[in-house]
PDB file of N, CA and C in Angstrom:
ATOM      1  N   MET A   1      39.014 -28.055  29.260  1.00  0.00           N
ATOM      2  CA  MET A   1      38.909 -27.714  27.851  1.00  0.00           C
ATOM      3  C   MET A   1      39.094 -26.216  27.661  1.00  0.00           C
ATOM      4  N   ALA A   2      39.733 -25.880  26.629  1.00  0.00           N
ATOM      5  CA  ALA A   2      39.963 -24.476  26.309  1.00  0.00           C
ATOM      6  C   ALA A   2      38.742 -23.908  25.605  1.00  0.00           C
ATOM      7  N   LYS A   3      38.450 -22.657  25.905  1.00  0.00           N
ATOM      8  CA  LYS A   3      37.331 -21.989  25.227  1.00  0.00           C
ATOM      9  C   LYS A   3      37.769 -21.589  23.832  1.00  0.00           C
ATOM     10  N   ARG A   4      36.849 -21.739  22.919  1.00  0.00           N
ATOM     11  CA  ARG A   4      37.136 -21.331  21.545  1.00  0.00           C
ATOM     12  C   ARG A   4      36.641 -19.912  21.339  1.00  0.00           C
ATOM     13  N   GLY A   5      37.355 -19.165  20.595  1.00  0.00           N
ATOM     14  CA  GLY A   5      36.959 -17.784  20.302  1.00  0.00           C
ATOM     15  C   GLY A   5      35.840 -17.769  19.276  1.00  0.00           C
ATOM     16  N   GLY A   6      35.369 -16.606  18.992  1.00  0.00           N
ATOM     17  CA  GLY A   6      34.334 -16.490  17.961  1.00  0.00           C
ATOM     18  C   GLY A   6      33.142 -15.694  18.452  1.00  0.00           C
ATOM     19  N   PHE A   7      32.078 -15.823  17.701  1.00  0.00           N
ATOM     20  CA  PHE A   7      30.865 -15.065  17.992  1.00  0.00           C
ATOM     21  C   PHE A   7      29.956 -15.865  18.908  1.00  0.00           C
ATOM     22  N   PRO A   8      29.292 -15.199  19.834  1.00  0.00           N
ATOM     23  CA  PRO A   8      28.382 -15.910  20.733  1.00  0.00           C
ATOM     24  C   PRO A   8      27.304 -16.651  19.943  1.00  0.00           C
ATOM     25  N   GLY A   9      27.021 -17.834  20.358  1.00  0.00           N
ATOM     26  CA  GLY A   9      25.980 -18.604  19.691  1.00  0.00           C
ATOM     27  C   GLY A   9      26.444 -19.188  18.378  1.00  0.00           C
ATOM     28  N   GLY A  10      27.705 -19.065  18.060  1.00  0.00           N
ATOM     29  CA  GLY A  10      28.226 -19.641  16.831  1.00  0.00           C
ATOM     30  C   GLY A  10      27.855 -18.871  15.575  1.00  0.00           C
ATOM     31  N   MET A  11      27.409 -17.638  15.688  1.00  0.00           N
ATOM     32  CA  MET A  11      27.017 -16.869  14.517  1.00  0.00           C
ATOM     33  C   MET A  11      28.265 -16.365  13.808  1.00  0.00           C
ATOM     34  N   MET A  12      28.363 -16.653  12.565  1.00  0.00           N
ATOM     35  CA  MET A  12      29.508 -16.247  11.760  1.00  0.00           C
ATOM     36  C   MET A  12      29.252 -14.871  11.156  1.00  0.00           C
ATOM     37  N   PRO A  13      30.309 -14.119  10.850  1.00  0.00           N
ATOM     38  CA  PRO A  13      30.129 -12.782  10.278  1.00  0.00           C
ATOM     39  C   PRO A  13      29.318 -12.800   8.983  1.00  0.00           C
ATOM     40  N   GLY A  14      29.508 -13.796   8.144  1.00  0.00           N
ATOM     41  CA  GLY A  14      28.755 -13.880   6.889  1.00  0.00           C
ATOM     42  C   GLY A  14      27.272 -14.061   7.141  1.00  0.00           C
ATOM     43  N   ASN A  15      26.929 -14.863   8.143  1.00  0.00           N
ATOM     44  CA  ASN A  15      25.521 -15.063   8.484  1.00  0.00           C
ATOM     45  C   ASN A  15      24.893 -13.769   8.996  1.00  0.00           C
ATOM     46  N   MET A  16      25.663 -13.012   9.758  1.00  0.00           N
ATOM     47  CA  MET A  16      25.160 -11.749  10.293  1.00  0.00           C
ATOM     48  C   MET A  16      24.916 -10.766   9.143  1.00  0.00           C
ATOM     49  N   ASN A  17      25.829 -10.736   8.173  1.00  0.00           N
ATOM     50  CA  ASN A  17      25.645  -9.854   7.014  1.00  0.00           C
ATOM     51  C   ASN A  17      24.404 -10.241   6.231  1.00  0.00           C
ATOM     52  N   ASN A  18      24.190 -11.539   6.040  1.00  0.00           N
ATOM     53  CA  ASN A  18      22.998 -11.994   5.325  1.00  0.00           C
ATOM     54  C   ASN A  18      21.731 -11.613   6.083  1.00  0.00           C
ATOM     55  N   LEU A  19      21.776 -11.759   7.386  1.00  0.00           N
ATOM     56  CA  LEU A  19      20.633 -11.403   8.211  1.00  0.00           C
ATOM     57  C   LEU A  19      20.329  -9.913   8.104  1.00  0.00           C
ATOM     58  N   MET A  20      21.364  -9.098   8.118  1.00  0.00           N
ATOM     59  CA  MET A  20      21.182  -7.645   7.997  1.00  0.00           C
ATOM     60  C   MET A  20      20.612  -7.286   6.622  1.00  0.00           C
ATOM     61  N   LYS A  21      21.103  -7.940   5.573  1.00  0.00           N
ATOM     62  CA  LYS A  21      20.590  -7.684   4.228  1.00  0.00           C
ATOM     63  C   LYS A  21      19.114  -8.062   4.130  1.00  0.00           C
ATOM     64  N   GLN A  22      18.754  -9.186   4.733  1.00  0.00           N
ATOM     65  CA  GLN A  22      17.353  -9.611   4.720  1.00  0.00           C
ATOM     66  C   GLN A  22      16.480  -8.615   5.485  1.00  0.00           C
ATOM     67  N   ALA A  23      16.984  -8.138   6.605  1.00  0.00           N
ATOM     68  CA  ALA A  23      16.227  -7.166   7.409  1.00  0.00           C
ATOM     69  C   ALA A  23      16.044  -5.864   6.630  1.00  0.00           C
ATOM     70  N   GLN A  24      17.084  -5.419   5.937  1.00  0.00           N
ATOM     71  CA  GLN A  24      16.985  -4.193   5.142  1.00  0.00           C
ATOM     72  C   GLN A  24      16.011  -4.373   3.984  1.00  0.00           C
ATOM     73  N   LYS A  25      16.049  -5.547   3.355  1.00  0.00           N
ATOM     74  CA  LYS A  25      15.127  -5.831   2.256  1.00  0.00           C
ATOM     75  C   LYS A  25      13.692  -5.825   2.770  1.00  0.00           C
ATOM     76  N   MET A  26      13.458  -6.442   3.928  1.00  0.00           N
ATOM     77  CA  MET A  26      12.119  -6.479   4.502  1.00  0.00           C
ATOM     78  C   MET A  26      11.649  -5.073   4.852  1.00  0.00           C
ATOM     79  N   GLN A  27      12.561  -4.254   5.360  1.00  0.00           N
ATOM     80  CA  GLN A  27      12.199  -2.879   5.699  1.00  0.00           C
ATOM     81  C   GLN A  27      11.795  -2.108   4.448  1.00  0.00           C
ATOM     82  N   ARG A  28      12.541  -2.271   3.346  1.00  0.00           N
ATOM     83  CA  ARG A  28      12.185  -1.600   2.088  1.00  0.00           C
ATOM     84  C   ARG A  28      10.814  -2.064   1.601  1.00  0.00           C
ATOM     85  N   GLN A  29      10.572  -3.374   1.677  1.00  0.00           N
ATOM     86  CA  GLN A  29       9.281  -3.904   1.244  1.00  0.00           C
ATOM     87  C   GLN A  29       8.148  -3.355   2.106  1.00  0.00           C
ATOM     88  N   MET A  30       8.388  -3.255   3.399  1.00  0.00           N
ATOM     89  CA  MET A  30       7.369  -2.714   4.301  1.00  0.00           C
ATOM     90  C   MET A  30       7.065  -1.258   3.942  1.00  0.00           C
ATOM     91  N   GLU A  31       8.092  -0.486   3.650  1.00  0.00           N
ATOM     92  CA  GLU A  31       7.899   0.917   3.287  1.00  0.00           C
ATOM     93  C   GLU A  31       7.138   1.036   1.973  1.00  0.00           C
ATOM     94  N   GLU A  32       7.467   0.196   0.994  1.00  0.00           N
ATOM     95  CA  GLU A  32       6.777   0.208  -0.296  1.00  0.00           C
ATOM     96  C   GLU A  32       5.312  -0.186  -0.124  1.00  0.00           C
ATOM     97  N   ASN A  33       5.075  -1.224   0.672  1.00  0.00           N
ATOM     98  CA  ASN A  33       3.698  -1.663   0.904  1.00  0.00           C
ATOM     99  C   ASN A  33       2.900  -0.614   1.666  1.00  0.00           C
ATOM    100  N   GLN A  34       3.533   0.049   2.608  1.00  0.00           N
ATOM    101  CA  GLN A  34       2.853   1.098   3.368  1.00  0.00           C
ATOM    102  C   GLN A  34       2.468   2.247   2.441  1.00  0.00           C
ATOM    103  N   LYS A  35       3.368   2.616   1.539  1.00  0.00           N
ATOM    104  CA  LYS A  35       3.077   3.694   0.588  1.00  0.00           C
ATOM    105  C   LYS A  35       1.920   3.295  -0.326  1.00  0.00           C
ATOM    106  N   ALA A  36       1.930   2.047  -0.815  1.00  0.00           N
ATOM    107  CA  ALA A  36       0.849   1.566  -1.673  1.00  0.00           C
ATOM    108  C   ALA A  36      -0.475   1.563  -0.914  1.00  0.00           C
ATOM    109  N   LEU A  37      -0.444   1.167   0.349  1.00  0.00           N
ATOM    110  CA  LEU A  37      -1.650   1.146   1.164  1.00  0.00           C
ATOM    111  C   LEU A  37      -2.200   2.558   1.337  1.00  0.00           C
ATOM    112  N   GLN A  38      -1.323   3.520   1.563  1.00  0.00           N
ATOM    113  CA  GLN A  38      -1.757   4.899   1.769  1.00  0.00           C
ATOM    114  C   GLN A  38      -2.414   5.480   0.525  1.00  0.00           C
ATOM    115  N   GLU A  39      -2.090   4.959  -0.645  1.00  0.00           N
ATOM    116  CA  GLU A  39      -2.659   5.464  -1.891  1.00  0.00           C
ATOM    117  C   GLU A  39      -4.010   4.826  -2.217  1.00  0.00           C
ATOM    118  N   LYS A  40      -4.384   3.767  -1.503  1.00  0.00           N
ATOM    119  CA  LYS A  40      -5.662   3.100  -1.741  1.00  0.00           C
ATOM    120  C   LYS A  40      -6.794   3.857  -1.064  1.00  0.00           C
ATOM    121  N   GLU A  41      -8.015   3.541  -1.527  1.00  0.00           N
ATOM    122  CA  GLU A  41      -9.204   4.077  -0.883  1.00  0.00           C
ATOM    123  C   GLU A  41     -10.095   2.918  -0.464  1.00  0.00           C
ATOM    124  N   PHE A  42     -10.791   3.099   0.650  1.00  0.00           N
ATOM    125  CA  PHE A  42     -11.662   2.085   1.214  1.00  0.00           C
ATOM    126  C   PHE A  42     -13.025   2.706   1.434  1.00  0.00           C
ATOM    127  N   THR A  43     -14.049   2.057   0.894  1.00  0.00           N
ATOM    128  CA  THR A  43     -15.404   2.586   0.983  1.00  0.00           C
ATOM    129  C   THR A  43     -16.290   1.603   1.719  1.00  0.00           C
ATOM    130  N   ALA A  44     -17.139   2.145   2.572  1.00  0.00           N
ATOM    131  CA  ALA A  44     -18.118   1.329   3.290  1.00  0.00           C
ATOM    132  C   ALA A  44     -19.424   2.111   3.335  1.00  0.00           C
ATOM    133  N   SER A  45     -20.525   1.366   3.455  1.00  0.00           N
ATOM    134  CA  SER A  45     -21.818   2.028   3.517  1.00  0.00           C
ATOM    135  C   SER A  45     -22.606   1.529   4.717  1.00  0.00           C
ATOM    136  N   ALA A  46     -23.646   2.271   5.041  1.00  0.00           N
ATOM    137  CA  ALA A  46     -24.545   1.912   6.143  1.00  0.00           C
ATOM    138  C   ALA A  46     -25.960   2.300   5.734  1.00  0.00           C
ATOM    139  N   GLY A  47     -26.922   1.726   6.422  1.00  0.00           N
ATOM    140  CA  GLY A  47     -28.317   2.054   6.124  1.00  0.00           C
ATOM    141  C   GLY A  47     -28.728   1.605   4.739  1.00  0.00           C
ATOM    142  N   GLY A  48     -28.252   0.432   4.328  1.00  0.00           N
ATOM    143  CA  GLY A  48     -28.617  -0.075   3.007  1.00  0.00           C
ATOM    144  C   GLY A  48     -28.086   0.778   1.870  1.00  0.00           C
ATOM    145  N   GLY A  49     -26.971   1.440   2.104  1.00  0.00           N
ATOM    146  CA  GLY A  49     -26.361   2.276   1.073  1.00  0.00           C
ATOM    147  C   GLY A  49     -26.769   3.737   1.161  1.00  0.00           C
ATOM    148  N   ALA A  50     -27.552   4.095   2.174  1.00  0.00           N
ATOM    149  CA  ALA A  50     -27.996   5.482   2.322  1.00  0.00           C
ATOM    150  C   ALA A  50     -26.840   6.416   2.663  1.00  0.00           C
ATOM    151  N   VAL A  51     -25.839   5.874   3.339  1.00  0.00           N
ATOM    152  CA  VAL A  51     -24.644   6.647   3.687  1.00  0.00           C
ATOM    153  C   VAL A  51     -23.436   5.855   3.218  1.00  0.00           C
ATOM    154  N   GLU A  52     -22.539   6.546   2.523  1.00  0.00           N
ATOM    155  CA  GLU A  52     -21.323   5.906   2.029  1.00  0.00           C
ATOM    156  C   GLU A  52     -20.137   6.783   2.410  1.00  0.00           C
ATOM    157  N   VAL A  53     -19.116   6.173   2.996  1.00  0.00           N
ATOM    158  CA  VAL A  53     -17.929   6.910   3.426  1.00  0.00           C
ATOM    159  C   VAL A  53     -16.703   6.275   2.781  1.00  0.00           C
ATOM    160  N   THR A  54     -15.843   7.116   2.246  1.00  0.00           N
ATOM    161  CA  THR A  54     -14.590   6.655   1.656  1.00  0.00           C
ATOM    162  C   THR A  54     -13.442   7.218   2.472  1.00  0.00           C
ATOM    163  N   ILE A  55     -12.491   6.326   2.783  1.00  0.00           N
ATOM    164  CA  ILE A  55     -11.329   6.691   3.595  1.00  0.00           C
ATOM    165  C   ILE A  55     -10.072   6.288   2.843  1.00  0.00           C
ATOM    166  N   SER A  56      -9.042   7.108   2.945  1.00  0.00           N
ATOM    167  CA  SER A  56      -7.753   6.773   2.327  1.00  0.00           C
ATOM    168  C   SER A  56      -6.996   5.818   3.239  1.00  0.00           C
ATOM    169  N   GLY A  57      -5.953   5.210   2.696  1.00  0.00           N
ATOM    170  CA  GLY A  57      -5.085   4.354   3.493  1.00  0.00           C
ATOM    171  C   GLY A  57      -4.362   5.123   4.579  1.00  0.00           C
ATOM    172  N   LYS A  58      -4.388   6.448   4.498  1.00  0.00           N
ATOM    173  CA  LYS A  58      -3.815   7.302   5.542  1.00  0.00           C
ATOM    174  C   LYS A  58      -4.812   7.547   6.663  1.00  0.00           C
ATOM    175  N   LYS A  59      -5.973   6.884   6.551  1.00  0.00           N
ATOM    176  CA  LYS A  59      -7.059   7.001   7.534  1.00  0.00           C
ATOM    177  C   LYS A  59      -7.639   8.412   7.574  1.00  0.00           C
ATOM    178  N   GLU A  60      -7.793   9.010   6.401  1.00  0.00           N
ATOM    179  CA  GLU A  60      -8.422  10.317   6.272  1.00  0.00           C
ATOM    180  C   GLU A  60      -9.702  10.143   5.475  1.00  0.00           C
ATOM    181  N   VAL A  61     -10.791  10.723   5.946  1.00  0.00           N
ATOM    182  CA  VAL A  61     -12.046  10.669   5.215  1.00  0.00           C
ATOM    183  C   VAL A  61     -11.881  11.513   3.955  1.00  0.00           C
ATOM    184  N   THR A  62     -12.135  10.899   2.803  1.00  0.00           N
ATOM    185  CA  THR A  62     -11.976  11.614   1.538  1.00  0.00           C
ATOM    186  C   THR A  62     -13.316  11.914   0.870  1.00  0.00           C
ATOM    187  N   LYS A  63     -14.375  11.186   1.288  1.00  0.00           N
ATOM    188  CA  LYS A  63     -15.668  11.405   0.648  1.00  0.00           C
ATOM    189  C   LYS A  63     -16.783  10.884   1.556  1.00  0.00           C
ATOM    190  N   VAL A  64     -17.866  11.647   1.623  1.00  0.00           N
ATOM    191  CA  VAL A  64     -19.079  11.227   2.306  1.00  0.00           C
ATOM    192  C   VAL A  64     -20.220  11.442   1.320  1.00  0.00           C
ATOM    193  N   LYS A  65     -20.974  10.379   1.063  1.00  0.00           N
ATOM    194  CA  LYS A  65     -22.088  10.450   0.130  1.00  0.00           C
ATOM    195  C   LYS A  65     -23.367  10.084   0.885  1.00  0.00           C
ATOM    196  N   LEU A  66     -24.377  10.960   0.786  1.00  0.00           N
ATOM    197  CA  LEU A  66     -25.640  10.746   1.481  1.00  0.00           C
ATOM    198  C   LEU A  66     -26.774  10.639   0.464  1.00  0.00           C
ATOM    199  N   ALA A  67     -27.625   9.637   0.652  1.00  0.00           N
ATOM    200  CA  ALA A  67     -28.835   9.550  -0.159  1.00  0.00           C
ATOM    201  C   ALA A  67     -29.794  10.633   0.334  1.00  0.00           C
ATOM    202  N   GLU A  68     -30.495  11.246  -0.572  1.00  0.00           N
ATOM    203  CA  GLU A  68     -31.374  12.365  -0.225  1.00  0.00           C
ATOM    204  C   GLU A  68     -32.397  11.998   0.848  1.00  0.00           C
ATOM    205  N   GLU A  69     -32.934  10.773   0.777  1.00  0.00           N
ATOM    206  CA  GLU A  69     -33.984  10.383   1.714  1.00  0.00           C
ATOM    207  C   GLU A  69     -33.489  10.198   3.149  1.00  0.00           C
ATOM    208  N   VAL A  70     -32.167  10.085   3.351  1.00  0.00           N
ATOM    209  CA  VAL A  70     -31.641   9.896   4.705  1.00  0.00           C
ATOM    210  C   VAL A  70     -31.459  11.229   5.429  1.00  0.00           C
ATOM    211  N   VAL A  71     -31.550  12.317   4.701  1.00  0.00           N
ATOM    212  CA  VAL A  71     -31.389  13.639   5.302  1.00  0.00           C
ATOM    213  C   VAL A  71     -32.757  14.098   5.809  1.00  0.00           C
ATOM    214  N   ASP A  72     -33.016  13.819   7.071  1.00  0.00           N
ATOM    215  CA  ASP A  72     -34.290  14.145   7.709  1.00  0.00           C
ATOM    216  C   ASP A  72     -34.002  15.068   8.886  1.00  0.00           C
ATOM    217  N   PRO A  73     -34.390  16.338   8.783  1.00  0.00           N
ATOM    218  CA  PRO A  73     -34.124  17.276   9.880  1.00  0.00           C
ATOM    219  C   PRO A  73     -34.765  16.848  11.198  1.00  0.00           C
ATOM    220  N   GLU A  74     -35.753  15.981  11.126  1.00  0.00           N
ATOM    221  CA  GLU A  74     -36.428  15.503  12.331  1.00  0.00           C
ATOM    222  C   GLU A  74     -35.643  14.368  13.004  1.00  0.00           C
ATOM    223  N   ASP A  75     -34.704  13.778  12.291  1.00  0.00           N
ATOM    224  CA  ASP A  75     -33.972  12.625  12.844  1.00  0.00           C
ATOM    225  C   ASP A  75     -32.471  12.732  12.536  1.00  0.00           C
ATOM    226  N   ILE A  76     -31.861  13.759  13.055  1.00  0.00           N
ATOM    227  CA  ILE A  76     -30.427  13.991  12.869  1.00  0.00           C
ATOM    228  C   ILE A  76     -29.617  12.853  13.493  1.00  0.00           C
ATOM    229  N   GLU A  77     -30.058  12.311  14.608  1.00  0.00           N
ATOM    230  CA  GLU A  77     -29.313  11.253  15.305  1.00  0.00           C
ATOM    231  C   GLU A  77     -29.126  10.013  14.421  1.00  0.00           C
ATOM    232  N   MET A  78     -30.151   9.649  13.646  1.00  0.00           N
ATOM    233  CA  MET A  78     -30.022   8.484  12.777  1.00  0.00           C
ATOM    234  C   MET A  78     -28.933   8.724  11.726  1.00  0.00           C
ATOM    235  N   LEU A  79     -28.922   9.906  11.148  1.00  0.00           N
ATOM    236  CA  LEU A  79     -27.911  10.234  10.149  1.00  0.00           C
ATOM    237  C   LEU A  79     -26.517  10.204  10.768  1.00  0.00           C
ATOM    238  N   GLU A  80     -26.378  10.747  11.959  1.00  0.00           N
ATOM    239  CA  GLU A  80     -25.089  10.724  12.653  1.00  0.00           C
ATOM    240  C   GLU A  80     -24.632   9.284  12.899  1.00  0.00           C
ATOM    241  N   ASP A  81     -25.560   8.433  13.341  1.00  0.00           N
ATOM    242  CA  ASP A  81     -25.228   7.027  13.595  1.00  0.00           C
ATOM    243  C   ASP A  81     -24.802   6.319  12.311  1.00  0.00           C
ATOM    244  N   LEU A  82     -25.503   6.590  11.209  1.00  0.00           N
ATOM    245  CA  LEU A  82     -25.152   5.958   9.935  1.00  0.00           C
ATOM    246  C   LEU A  82     -23.775   6.400   9.444  1.00  0.00           C
ATOM    247  N   ILE A  83     -23.478   7.676   9.586  1.00  0.00           N
ATOM    248  CA  ILE A  83     -22.157   8.183   9.182  1.00  0.00           C
ATOM    249  C   ILE A  83     -21.074   7.545  10.042  1.00  0.00           C
ATOM    250  N   MET A  84     -21.315   7.465  11.339  1.00  0.00           N
ATOM    251  CA  MET A  84     -20.341   6.855  12.238  1.00  0.00           C
ATOM    252  C   MET A  84     -20.144   5.374  11.890  1.00  0.00           C
ATOM    253  N   ALA A  85     -21.215   4.647  11.633  1.00  0.00           N
ATOM    254  CA  ALA A  85     -21.117   3.222  11.310  1.00  0.00           C
ATOM    255  C   ALA A  85     -20.344   3.008  10.005  1.00  0.00           C
ATOM    256  N   ALA A  86     -20.641   3.797   8.996  1.00  0.00           N
ATOM    257  CA  ALA A  86     -19.944   3.653   7.715  1.00  0.00           C
ATOM    258  C   ALA A  86     -18.467   4.019   7.855  1.00  0.00           C
ATOM    259  N   THR A  87     -18.175   5.057   8.614  1.00  0.00           N
ATOM    260  CA  THR A  87     -16.782   5.472   8.829  1.00  0.00           C
ATOM    261  C   THR A  87     -16.006   4.390   9.569  1.00  0.00           C
ATOM    262  N   ASN A  88     -16.586   3.837  10.611  1.00  0.00           N
ATOM    263  CA  ASN A  88     -15.907   2.786  11.373  1.00  0.00           C
ATOM    264  C   ASN A  88     -15.676   1.543  10.525  1.00  0.00           C
ATOM    265  N   GLU A  89     -16.631   1.194   9.680  1.00  0.00           N
ATOM    266  CA  GLU A  89     -16.460   0.030   8.808  1.00  0.00           C
ATOM    267  C   GLU A  89     -15.342   0.275   7.787  1.00  0.00           C
ATOM    268  N   ALA A  90     -15.274   1.473   7.235  1.00  0.00           N
ATOM    269  CA  ALA A  90     -14.199   1.794   6.295  1.00  0.00           C
ATOM    270  C   ALA A  90     -12.841   1.746   6.998  1.00  0.00           C
ATOM    271  N   LEU A  91     -12.772   2.224   8.234  1.00  0.00           N
ATOM    272  CA  LEU A  91     -11.526   2.150   9.006  1.00  0.00           C
ATOM    273  C   LEU A  91     -11.129   0.701   9.271  1.00  0.00           C
ATOM    274  N   ARG A  92     -12.112  -0.152   9.549  1.00  0.00           N
ATOM    275  CA  ARG A  92     -11.814  -1.579   9.748  1.00  0.00           C
ATOM    276  C   ARG A  92     -11.232  -2.189   8.473  1.00  0.00           C
ATOM    277  N   LYS A  93     -11.737  -1.756   7.325  1.00  0.00           N
ATOM    278  CA  LYS A  93     -11.208  -2.263   6.051  1.00  0.00           C
ATOM    279  C   LYS A  93      -9.739  -1.867   5.879  1.00  0.00           C
ATOM    280  N   VAL A  94      -9.405  -0.636   6.261  1.00  0.00           N
ATOM    281  CA  VAL A  94      -8.011  -0.184   6.191  1.00  0.00           C
ATOM    282  C   VAL A  94      -7.145  -1.070   7.087  1.00  0.00           C
ATOM    283  N   GLU A  95      -7.600  -1.310   8.313  1.00  0.00           N
ATOM    284  CA  GLU A  95      -6.838  -2.125   9.263  1.00  0.00           C
ATOM    285  C   GLU A  95      -6.674  -3.565   8.764  1.00  0.00           C
ATOM    286  N   GLU A  96      -7.726  -4.131   8.201  1.00  0.00           N
ATOM    287  CA  GLU A  96      -7.652  -5.499   7.683  1.00  0.00           C
ATOM    288  C   GLU A  96      -6.637  -5.599   6.549  1.00  0.00           C
ATOM    289  N   GLU A  97      -6.671  -4.635   5.647  1.00  0.00           N
ATOM    290  CA  GLU A  97      -5.727  -4.632   4.525  1.00  0.00           C
ATOM    291  C   GLU A  97      -4.298  -4.480   5.038  1.00  0.00           C
ATOM    292  N   SER A  98      -4.098  -3.581   5.993  1.00  0.00           N
ATOM    293  CA  SER A  98      -2.775  -3.368   6.566  1.00  0.00           C
ATOM    294  C   SER A  98      -2.265  -4.641   7.236  1.00  0.00           C
ATOM    295  N   ALA A  99      -3.114  -5.302   8.006  1.00  0.00           N
ATOM    296  CA  ALA A  99      -2.723  -6.535   8.684  1.00  0.00           C
ATOM    297  C   ALA A  99      -2.411  -7.639   7.677  1.00  0.00           C
ATOM    298  N   ALA A 100      -3.196  -7.717   6.611  1.00  0.00           N
ATOM    299  CA  ALA A 100      -2.962  -8.744   5.589  1.00  0.00           C
ATOM    300  C   ALA A 100      -1.630  -8.515   4.895  1.00  0.00           C
ATOM    301  N   VAL A 101      -1.310  -7.268   4.593  1.00  0.00           N
ATOM    302  CA  VAL A 101      -0.039  -6.947   3.937  1.00  0.00           C
ATOM    303  C   VAL A 101       1.127  -7.287   4.856  1.00  0.00           C
ATOM    304  N   MET A 102       1.005  -6.924   6.128  1.00  0.00           N
ATOM    305  CA  MET A 102       2.081  -7.204   7.075  1.00  0.00           C
ATOM    306  C   MET A 102       2.263  -8.705   7.273  1.00  0.00           C
ATOM    307  N   SER A 103       1.172  -9.432   7.371  1.00  0.00           N
ATOM    308  CA  SER A 103       1.240 -10.880   7.569  1.00  0.00           C
ATOM    309  C   SER A 103       1.907 -11.552   6.376  1.00  0.00           C
ATOM    310  N   LYS A 104       1.556 -11.089   5.193  1.00  0.00           N
ATOM    311  CA  LYS A 104       2.161 -11.643   3.970  1.00  0.00           C
ATOM    312  C   LYS A 104       3.660 -11.361   3.943  1.00  0.00           C
ATOM    313  N   LEU A 105       4.028 -10.159   4.336  1.00  0.00           N
ATOM    314  CA  LEU A 105       5.425  -9.740   4.295  1.00  0.00           C
ATOM    315  C   LEU A 105       6.268 -10.464   5.338  1.00  0.00           C
ATOM    316  N   THR A 106       5.725 -10.636   6.532  1.00  0.00           N
ATOM    317  CA  THR A 106       6.502 -11.247   7.611  1.00  0.00           C
ATOM    318  C   THR A 106       6.321 -12.754   7.674  1.00  0.00           C
ATOM    319  N   GLY A 107       5.481 -13.285   6.809  1.00  0.00           N
ATOM    320  CA  GLY A 107       5.269 -14.727   6.800  1.00  0.00           C
ATOM    321  C   GLY A 107       4.585 -15.211   8.060  1.00  0.00           C
ATOM    322  N   GLY A 108       3.753 -14.349   8.655  1.00  0.00           N
ATOM    323  CA  GLY A 108       3.026 -14.738   9.856  1.00  0.00           C
ATOM    324  C   GLY A 108       3.826 -14.621  11.135  1.00  0.00           C
ATOM    325  N   LEU A 109       4.994 -14.000  11.085  1.00  0.00           N
ATOM    326  CA  LEU A 109       5.832 -13.876  12.279  1.00  0.00           C
ATOM    327  C   LEU A 109       5.301 -12.862  13.271  1.00  0.00           C
ATOM    328  N   GLY A 110       4.438 -11.987  12.810  1.00  0.00           N
ATOM    329  CA  GLY A 110       3.918 -10.938  13.694  1.00  0.00           C
ATOM    330  C   GLY A 110       4.613  -9.624  13.401  1.00  0.00           C
ATOM    331  N   GLY A 111       4.193  -8.594  14.072  1.00  0.00           N
ATOM    332  CA  GLY A 111       4.716  -7.250  13.796  1.00  0.00           C
ATOM    333  C   GLY A 111       5.701  -6.771  14.832  1.00  0.00           C
ATOM    334  N   GLY A 112       6.443  -7.649  15.474  1.00  0.00           N
ATOM    335  CA  GLY A 112       7.335  -7.243  16.543  1.00  0.00           C
ATOM    336  C   GLY A 112       8.690  -6.759  16.079  1.00  0.00           C
ATOM    337  N   PHE A 113       8.776  -6.255  14.863  1.00  0.00           N
ATOM    338  CA  PHE A 113      10.053  -5.779  14.361  1.00  0.00           C
ATOM    339  C   PHE A 113      10.255  -4.314  14.759  1.00  0.00           C
ATOM    340  N   PRO A 114      11.482  -3.928  15.065  1.00  0.00           N
ATOM    341  CA  PRO A 114      11.725  -2.562  15.535  1.00  0.00           C
ATOM    342  C   PRO A 114      11.728  -1.528  14.421  1.00  0.00           C
ATOM    343  N   PHE A 115      11.528  -1.918  13.177  1.00  0.00           N
ATOM    344  CA  PHE A 115      11.552  -0.943  12.085  1.00  0.00           C
ATOM    345  C   PHE A 115      10.250  -0.821  11.399  1.00  0.00           C
TER     346      PHE A 115
END
């Protein structure tokens, strides 16, 4: 039998163009969603609200709010722990939102795209 010419795997040029257009569209959507995420703020608290930390979608601390009663010069370690706990929780919120946006965009395919 003679070999037939063409594209490997039977991919036609029109299909490749459509695939490229879809990839470019997905990349634009990812960039738009990333920009929207960076403009959001995420707040978490610790110690029953005694410490509140706000983080931007860029993962930068934008605000730290302390209740007066949590500021005890005799127990600096507790305050440090509360700030760390609230900051880590706010960072987890950023990650959860980012993962949810990516999952929605990729339809659950995962984040293995090169762009």
